[in-house]
Amino acid sequence: GRGLYYGSYLYMETWNIGVVLFLLVMMTAFVGYVLPWGQMSFWGATVITNLLSAVPYVGNSLVQWIWGGFSVDNATLTR
């Protein structure tokens, strides 16, 4: 709320740093969710990585690169 009040969104550098920090926090949360590698972790990793397939042109290739194959497997965990 404070960023909106003070107009921090008008400064491009501040905005970019915020977006990068947000993406880093989301990646950290994803790794923490997948780390136990139980049934919920497996399906969570499958669903979250399949969301990347919506990226135009490179989505499916990106998902296969993250998976390390054609599905979530042990290769995904070691990446």
PDB file of N, CA and C in Angstrom:
ATOM      1  N   GLY A   1       0.786  -1.171   0.000  1.00  0.00           N
ATOM      2  CA  GLY A   1       0.000   0.000   0.000  1.00  0.00           C
ATOM      3  C   GLY A   1       0.851   1.268   0.000  1.00  0.00           C
ATOM      4  N   ARG A   2       1.981   1.206   0.703  1.00  0.00           N
ATOM      5  CA  ARG A   2       2.819   2.393   0.801  1.00  0.00           C
ATOM      6  C   ARG A   2       3.412   2.764  -0.556  1.00  0.00           C
ATOM      7  N   GLY A   3       3.759   1.743  -1.361  1.00  0.00           N
ATOM      8  CA  GLY A   3       4.301   2.006  -2.694  1.00  0.00           C
ATOM      9  C   GLY A   3       3.308   2.723  -3.585  1.00  0.00           C
ATOM     10  N   LEU A   4       2.043   2.373  -3.459  1.00  0.00           N
ATOM     11  CA  LEU A   4       1.013   3.061  -4.236  1.00  0.00           C
ATOM     12  C   LEU A   4       0.823   4.487  -3.744  1.00  0.00           C
ATOM     13  N   TYR A   5       0.876   4.671  -2.436  1.00  0.00           N
ATOM     14  CA  TYR A   5       0.672   6.000  -1.856  1.00  0.00           C
ATOM     15  C   TYR A   5       1.782   6.966  -2.273  1.00  0.00           C
ATOM     16  N   TYR A   6       3.027   6.490  -2.223  1.00  0.00           N
ATOM     17  CA  TYR A   6       4.154   7.349  -2.551  1.00  0.00           C
ATOM     18  C   TYR A   6       4.476   7.383  -4.043  1.00  0.00           C
ATOM     19  N   GLY A   7       3.790   6.588  -4.842  1.00  0.00           N
ATOM     20  CA  GLY A   7       4.017   6.599  -6.291  1.00  0.00           C
ATOM     21  C   GLY A   7       5.285   5.885  -6.712  1.00  0.00           C
ATOM     22  N   SER A   8       5.712   4.883  -5.953  1.00  0.00           N
ATOM     23  CA  SER A   8       6.932   4.148  -6.285  1.00  0.00           C
ATOM     24  C   SER A   8       6.816   3.404  -7.605  1.00  0.00           C
ATOM     25  N   TYR A   9       5.610   3.101  -8.011  1.00  0.00           N
ATOM     26  CA  TYR A   9       5.416   2.371  -9.262  1.00  0.00           C
ATOM     27  C   TYR A   9       5.805   3.212 -10.483  1.00  0.00           C
ATOM     28  N   LEU A  10       5.972   4.507 -10.306  1.00  0.00           N
ATOM     29  CA  LEU A  10       6.364   5.369 -11.417  1.00  0.00           C
ATOM     30  C   LEU A  10       7.846   5.239 -11.753  1.00  0.00           C
ATOM     31  N   TYR A  11       8.649   4.755 -10.822  1.00  0.00           N
ATOM     32  CA  TYR A  11      10.084   4.611 -11.036  1.00  0.00           C
ATOM     33  C   TYR A  11      10.360   3.218 -11.583  1.00  0.00           C
ATOM     34  N   MET A  12      10.853   3.149 -12.819  1.00  0.00           N
ATOM     35  CA  MET A  12      11.023   1.876 -13.504  1.00  0.00           C
ATOM     36  C   MET A  12      12.015   0.960 -12.783  1.00  0.00           C
ATOM     37  N   GLU A  13      13.088   1.507 -12.239  1.00  0.00           N
ATOM     38  CA  GLU A  13      14.076   0.683 -11.549  1.00  0.00           C
ATOM     39  C   GLU A  13      13.462   0.024 -10.316  1.00  0.00           C
ATOM     40  N   THR A  14      12.686   0.771  -9.568  1.00  0.00           N
ATOM     41  CA  THR A  14      12.016   0.220  -8.392  1.00  0.00           C
ATOM     42  C   THR A  14      11.043  -0.873  -8.792  1.00  0.00           C
ATOM     43  N   TRP A  15      10.309  -0.639  -9.854  1.00  0.00           N
ATOM     44  CA  TRP A  15       9.342  -1.629 -10.343  1.00  0.00           C
ATOM     45  C   TRP A  15      10.056  -2.912 -10.759  1.00  0.00           C
ATOM     46  N   ASN A  16      11.160  -2.790 -11.511  1.00  0.00           N
ATOM     47  CA  ASN A  16      11.895  -3.963 -11.979  1.00  0.00           C
ATOM     48  C   ASN A  16      12.488  -4.748 -10.817  1.00  0.00           C
ATOM     49  N   ILE A  17      13.025  -4.074  -9.839  1.00  0.00           N
ATOM     50  CA  ILE A  17      13.577  -4.759  -8.670  1.00  0.00           C
ATOM     51  C   ILE A  17      12.474  -5.504  -7.929  1.00  0.00           C
ATOM     52  N   GLY A  18      11.309  -4.889  -7.805  1.00  0.00           N
ATOM     53  CA  GLY A  18      10.180  -5.553  -7.154  1.00  0.00           C
ATOM     54  C   GLY A  18       9.731  -6.796  -7.896  1.00  0.00           C
ATOM     55  N   VAL A  19       9.694  -6.739  -9.211  1.00  0.00           N
ATOM     56  CA  VAL A  19       9.291  -7.904 -10.009  1.00  0.00           C
ATOM     57  C   VAL A  19      10.319  -9.019  -9.872  1.00  0.00           C
ATOM     58  N   VAL A  20      11.597  -8.679  -9.918  1.00  0.00           N
ATOM     59  CA  VAL A  20      12.649  -9.691  -9.764  1.00  0.00           C
ATOM     60  C   VAL A  20      12.573 -10.333  -8.385  1.00  0.00           C
ATOM     61  N   LEU A  21      12.382  -9.530  -7.347  1.00  0.00           N
ATOM     62  CA  LEU A  21      12.256 -10.082  -5.997  1.00  0.00           C
ATOM     63  C   LEU A  21      11.030 -10.979  -5.875  1.00  0.00           C
ATOM     64  N   PHE A  22       9.927 -10.581  -6.484  1.00  0.00           N
ATOM     65  CA  PHE A  22       8.714 -11.399  -6.469  1.00  0.00           C
ATOM     66  C   PHE A  22       8.962 -12.749  -7.134  1.00  0.00           C
ATOM     67  N   LEU A  23       9.628 -12.752  -8.291  1.00  0.00           N
ATOM     68  CA  LEU A  23       9.909 -14.010  -8.988  1.00  0.00           C
ATOM     69  C   LEU A  23      10.854 -14.899  -8.179  1.00  0.00           C
ATOM     70  N   LEU A  24      11.843 -14.296  -7.518  1.00  0.00           N
ATOM     71  CA  LEU A  24      12.752 -15.082  -6.679  1.00  0.00           C
ATOM     72  C   LEU A  24      12.019 -15.716  -5.499  1.00  0.00           C
ATOM     73  N   VAL A  25      11.120 -14.970  -4.885  1.00  0.00           N
ATOM     74  CA  VAL A  25      10.344 -15.509  -3.762  1.00  0.00           C
ATOM     75  C   VAL A  25       9.441 -16.643  -4.237  1.00  0.00           C
ATOM     76  N   MET A  26       8.833 -16.494  -5.405  1.00  0.00           N
ATOM     77  CA  MET A  26       7.967 -17.551  -5.938  1.00  0.00           C
ATOM     78  C   MET A  26       8.768 -18.810  -6.266  1.00  0.00           C
ATOM     79  N   MET A  27       9.976 -18.644  -6.817  1.00  0.00           N
ATOM     80  CA  MET A  27      10.814 -19.810  -7.116  1.00  0.00           C
ATOM     81  C   MET A  27      11.249 -20.503  -5.830  1.00  0.00           C
ATOM     82  N   THR A  28      11.581 -19.734  -4.814  1.00  0.00           N
ATOM     83  CA  THR A  28      11.969 -20.313  -3.532  1.00  0.00           C
ATOM     84  C   THR A  28      10.809 -21.075  -2.904  1.00  0.00           C
ATOM     85  N   ALA A  29       9.617 -20.523  -2.987  1.00  0.00           N
ATOM     86  CA  ALA A  29       8.434 -21.200  -2.450  1.00  0.00           C
ATOM     87  C   ALA A  29       8.159 -22.491  -3.207  1.00  0.00           C
ATOM     88  N   PHE A  30       8.341 -22.479  -4.520  1.00  0.00           N
ATOM     89  CA  PHE A  30       8.133 -23.683  -5.325  1.00  0.00           C
ATOM     90  C   PHE A  30       9.119 -24.775  -4.937  1.00  0.00           C
ATOM     91  N   VAL A  31      10.390 -24.416  -4.786  1.00  0.00           N
ATOM     92  CA  VAL A  31      11.402 -25.404  -4.403  1.00  0.00           C
ATOM     93  C   VAL A  31      11.102 -25.961  -3.014  1.00  0.00           C
ATOM     94  N   GLY A  32      10.679 -25.114  -2.096  1.00  0.00           N
ATOM     95  CA  GLY A  32      10.324 -25.582  -0.761  1.00  0.00           C
ATOM     96  C   GLY A  32       9.119 -26.500  -0.762  1.00  0.00           C
ATOM     97  N   TYR A  33       8.193 -26.270  -1.677  1.00  0.00           N
ATOM     98  CA  TYR A  33       6.995 -27.107  -1.771  1.00  0.00           C
ATOM     99  C   TYR A  33       7.327 -28.470  -2.363  1.00  0.00           C
ATOM    100  N   VAL A  34       8.256 -28.508  -3.308  1.00  0.00           N
ATOM    101  CA  VAL A  34       8.590 -29.750  -4.007  1.00  0.00           C
ATOM    102  C   VAL A  34       9.613 -30.579  -3.226  1.00  0.00           C
ATOM    103  N   LEU A  35      10.361 -29.963  -2.348  1.00  0.00           N
ATOM    104  CA  LEU A  35      11.475 -30.619  -1.672  1.00  0.00           C
ATOM    105  C   LEU A  35      11.131 -31.927  -0.962  1.00  0.00           C
ATOM    106  N   PRO A  36      10.016 -32.058  -0.246  1.00  0.00           N
ATOM    107  CA  PRO A  36       9.733 -33.341   0.416  1.00  0.00           C
ATOM    108  C   PRO A  36       9.510 -34.495  -0.557  1.00  0.00           C
ATOM    109  N   TRP A  37       9.119 -34.201  -1.795  1.00  0.00           N
ATOM    110  CA  TRP A  37       8.917 -35.168  -2.877  1.00  0.00           C
ATOM    111  C   TRP A  37       7.944 -36.271  -2.497  1.00  0.00           C
ATOM    112  N   GLY A  38       6.828 -35.861  -1.923  1.00  0.00           N
ATOM    113  CA  GLY A  38       5.730 -36.778  -1.659  1.00  0.00           C
ATOM    114  C   GLY A  38       4.709 -36.699  -2.775  1.00  0.00           C
ATOM    115  N   GLN A  39       3.547 -37.280  -2.533  1.00  0.00           N
ATOM    116  CA  GLN A  39       2.497 -37.285  -3.551  1.00  0.00           C
ATOM    117  C   GLN A  39       2.010 -35.864  -3.860  1.00  0.00           C
ATOM    118  N   MET A  40       1.801 -35.063  -2.817  1.00  0.00           N
ATOM    119  CA  MET A  40       1.366 -33.678  -3.031  1.00  0.00           C
ATOM    120  C   MET A  40       2.448 -32.868  -3.755  1.00  0.00           C
ATOM    121  N   SER A  41       3.712 -33.121  -3.430  1.00  0.00           N
ATOM    122  CA  SER A  41       4.803 -32.413  -4.095  1.00  0.00           C
ATOM    123  C   SER A  41       4.869 -32.767  -5.569  1.00  0.00           C
ATOM    124  N   PHE A  42       4.680 -34.047  -5.880  1.00  0.00           N
ATOM    125  CA  PHE A  42       4.707 -34.497  -7.274  1.00  0.00           C
ATOM    126  C   PHE A  42       3.636 -33.797  -8.093  1.00  0.00           C
ATOM    127  N   TRP A  43       2.402 -33.817  -7.594  1.00  0.00           N
ATOM    128  CA  TRP A  43       1.312 -33.213  -8.353  1.00  0.00           C
ATOM    129  C   TRP A  43       1.402 -31.697  -8.350  1.00  0.00           C
ATOM    130  N   GLY A  44       1.917 -31.121  -7.277  1.00  0.00           N
ATOM    131  CA  GLY A  44       2.140 -29.678  -7.266  1.00  0.00           C
ATOM    132  C   GLY A  44       3.163 -29.263  -8.310  1.00  0.00           C
ATOM    133  N   ALA A  45       4.257 -30.023  -8.406  1.00  0.00           N
ATOM    134  CA  ALA A  45       5.277 -29.736  -9.416  1.00  0.00           C
ATOM    135  C   ALA A  45       4.718 -29.915 -10.819  1.00  0.00           C
ATOM    136  N   THR A  46       3.884 -30.925 -11.012  1.00  0.00           N
ATOM    137  CA  THR A  46       3.289 -31.159 -12.325  1.00  0.00           C
ATOM    138  C   THR A  46       2.387 -29.997 -12.728  1.00  0.00           C
ATOM    139  N   VAL A  47       1.533 -29.575 -11.825  1.00  0.00           N
ATOM    140  CA  VAL A  47       0.587 -28.500 -12.144  1.00  0.00           C
ATOM    141  C   VAL A  47       1.313 -27.174 -12.353  1.00  0.00           C
ATOM    142  N   ILE A  48       2.229 -26.840 -11.459  1.00  0.00           N
ATOM    143  CA  ILE A  48       2.902 -25.543 -11.546  1.00  0.00           C
ATOM    144  C   ILE A  48       3.768 -25.456 -12.798  1.00  0.00           C
ATOM    145  N   THR A  49       4.491 -26.529 -13.123  1.00  0.00           N
ATOM    146  CA  THR A  49       5.321 -26.478 -14.327  1.00  0.00           C
ATOM    147  C   THR A  49       4.478 -26.517 -15.591  1.00  0.00           C
ATOM    148  N   ASN A  50       3.314 -27.152 -15.547  1.00  0.00           N
ATOM    149  CA  ASN A  50       2.438 -27.136 -16.719  1.00  0.00           C
ATOM    150  C   ASN A  50       1.870 -25.746 -16.980  1.00  0.00           C
ATOM    151  N   LEU A  51       1.826 -24.894 -15.973  1.00  0.00           N
ATOM    152  CA  LEU A  51       1.387 -23.517 -16.194  1.00  0.00           C
ATOM    153  C   LEU A  51       2.320 -22.787 -17.158  1.00  0.00           C
ATOM    154  N   LEU A  52       3.586 -23.193 -17.180  1.00  0.00           N
ATOM    155  CA  LEU A  52       4.544 -22.558 -18.085  1.00  0.00           C
ATOM    156  C   LEU A  52       4.289 -22.916 -19.542  1.00  0.00           C
ATOM    157  N   SER A  53       3.523 -23.955 -19.799  1.00  0.00           N
ATOM    158  CA  SER A  53       3.237 -24.335 -21.186  1.00  0.00           C
ATOM    159  C   SER A  53       2.340 -23.309 -21.866  1.00  0.00           C
ATOM    160  N   ALA A  54       1.770 -22.387 -21.121  1.00  0.00           N
ATOM    161  CA  ALA A  54       0.931 -21.339 -21.701  1.00  0.00           C
ATOM    162  C   ALA A  54       1.758 -20.219 -22.330  1.00  0.00           C
ATOM    163  N   VAL A  55       3.069 -20.221 -22.111  1.00  0.00           N
ATOM    164  CA  VAL A  55       3.932 -19.203 -22.718  1.00  0.00           C
ATOM    165  C   VAL A  55       3.971 -19.448 -24.226  1.00  0.00           C
ATOM    166  N   PRO A  56       3.661 -18.446 -25.033  1.00  0.00           N
ATOM    167  CA  PRO A  56       3.626 -18.659 -26.485  1.00  0.00           C
ATOM    168  C   PRO A  56       4.985 -19.059 -27.057  1.00  0.00           C
ATOM    169  N   TYR A  57       4.963 -19.927 -28.033  1.00  0.00           N
ATOM    170  CA  TYR A  57       6.105 -20.371 -28.835  1.00  0.00           C
ATOM    171  C   TYR A  57       7.090 -21.254 -28.080  1.00  0.00           C
ATOM    172  N   VAL A  58       7.485 -20.915 -26.881  1.00  0.00           N
ATOM    173  CA  VAL A  58       8.532 -21.659 -26.179  1.00  0.00           C
ATOM    174  C   VAL A  58       8.012 -22.415 -24.959  1.00  0.00           C
ATOM    175  N   GLY A  59       6.709 -22.381 -24.720  1.00  0.00           N
ATOM    176  CA  GLY A  59       6.150 -22.954 -23.499  1.00  0.00           C
ATOM    177  C   GLY A  59       6.423 -24.430 -23.327  1.00  0.00           C
ATOM    178  N   ASN A  60       6.115 -25.240 -24.342  1.00  0.00           N
ATOM    179  CA  ASN A  60       6.310 -26.685 -24.219  1.00  0.00           C
ATOM    180  C   ASN A  60       7.784 -27.047 -24.100  1.00  0.00           C
ATOM    181  N   SER A  61       8.638 -26.374 -24.844  1.00  0.00           N
ATOM    182  CA  SER A  61      10.075 -26.629 -24.739  1.00  0.00           C
ATOM    183  C   SER A  61      10.599 -26.237 -23.364  1.00  0.00           C
ATOM    184  N   LEU A  62      10.090 -25.148 -22.824  1.00  0.00           N
ATOM    185  CA  LEU A  62      10.490 -24.694 -21.494  1.00  0.00           C
ATOM    186  C   LEU A  62      10.095 -25.704 -20.425  1.00  0.00           C
ATOM    187  N   VAL A  63       8.887 -26.240 -20.536  1.00  0.00           N
ATOM    188  CA  VAL A  63       8.413 -27.229 -19.564  1.00  0.00           C
ATOM    189  C   VAL A  63       9.262 -28.488 -19.636  1.00  0.00           C
ATOM    190  N   GLN A  64       9.564 -28.973 -20.828  1.00  0.00           N
ATOM    191  CA  GLN A  64      10.390 -30.175 -20.955  1.00  0.00           C
ATOM    192  C   GLN A  64      11.804 -29.929 -20.451  1.00  0.00           C
ATOM    193  N   TRP A  65      12.319 -28.724 -20.625  1.00  0.00           N
ATOM    194  CA  TRP A  65      13.646 -28.408 -20.117  1.00  0.00           C
ATOM    195  C   TRP A  65      13.660 -28.412 -18.591  1.00  0.00           C
ATOM    196  N   ILE A  66      12.631 -27.848 -17.970  1.00  0.00           N
ATOM    197  CA  ILE A  66      12.553 -27.829 -16.508  1.00  0.00           C
ATOM    198  C   ILE A  66      12.375 -29.241 -15.970  1.00  0.00           C
ATOM    199  N   TRP A  67      11.536 -30.041 -16.643  1.00  0.00           N
ATOM    200  CA  TRP A  67      11.302 -31.412 -16.196  1.00  0.00           C
ATOM    201  C   TRP A  67      12.536 -32.292 -16.383  1.00  0.00           C
ATOM    202  N   GLY A  68      13.349 -32.010 -17.379  1.00  0.00           N
ATOM    203  CA  GLY A  68      14.472 -32.885 -17.683  1.00  0.00           C
ATOM    204  C   GLY A  68      14.025 -34.114 -18.446  1.00  0.00           C
ATOM    205  N   GLY A  69      12.870 -34.071 -19.047  1.00  0.00           N
ATOM    206  CA  GLY A  69      12.304 -35.188 -19.807  1.00  0.00           C
ATOM    207  C   GLY A  69      10.895 -34.846 -20.228  1.00  0.00           C
ATOM    208  N   PHE A  70      10.076 -35.885 -20.333  1.00  0.00           N
ATOM    209  CA  PHE A  70       8.709 -35.676 -20.792  1.00  0.00           C
ATOM    210  C   PHE A  70       7.688 -35.665 -19.662  1.00  0.00           C
ATOM    211  N   SER A  71       8.132 -35.859 -18.446  1.00  0.00           N
ATOM    212  CA  SER A  71       7.226 -35.798 -17.298  1.00  0.00           C
ATOM    213  C   SER A  71       8.044 -35.479 -16.047  1.00  0.00           C
ATOM    214  N   VAL A  72       7.349 -35.158 -14.968  1.00  0.00           N
ATOM    215  CA  VAL A  72       8.019 -34.915 -13.691  1.00  0.00           C
ATOM    216  C   VAL A  72       8.552 -36.250 -13.196  1.00  0.00           C
ATOM    217  N   ASP A  73       9.853 -36.294 -12.924  1.00  0.00           N
ATOM    218  CA  ASP A  73      10.509 -37.543 -12.541  1.00  0.00           C
ATOM    219  C   ASP A  73      11.673 -37.204 -11.609  1.00  0.00           C
ATOM    220  N   ASN A  74      12.522 -38.180 -11.331  1.00  0.00           N
ATOM    221  CA  ASN A  74      13.679 -37.929 -10.470  1.00  0.00           C
ATOM    222  C   ASN A  74      14.625 -36.902 -11.083  1.00  0.00           C
ATOM    223  N   ALA A  75      14.677 -36.834 -12.413  1.00  0.00           N
ATOM    224  CA  ALA A  75      15.526 -35.825 -13.062  1.00  0.00           C
ATOM    225  C   ALA A  75      15.062 -34.418 -12.712  1.00  0.00           C
ATOM    226  N   THR A  76      13.783 -34.247 -12.500  1.00  0.00           N
ATOM    227  CA  THR A  76      13.253 -32.936 -12.118  1.00  0.00           C
ATOM    228  C   THR A  76      13.752 -32.548 -10.732  1.00  0.00           C
ATOM    229  N   LEU A  77      13.789 -33.495  -9.830  1.00  0.00           N
ATOM    230  CA  LEU A  77      14.199 -33.219  -8.455  1.00  0.00           C
ATOM    231  C   LEU A  77      15.669 -32.835  -8.376  1.00  0.00           C
ATOM    232  N   THR A  78      16.517 -33.458  -9.192  1.00  0.00           N
ATOM    233  CA  THR A  78      17.952 -33.182  -9.119  1.00  0.00           C
ATOM    234  C   THR A  78      18.337 -31.888  -9.816  1.00  0.00           C
ATOM    235  N   ARG A  79      17.419 -31.267 -10.522  1.00  0.00           N
ATOM    236  CA  ARG A  79      17.740 -29.996 -11.192  1.00  0.00           C
ATOM    237  C   ARG A  79      17.688 -28.942 -10.165  1.00  0.00           C
TER     238      ARG A  79
END
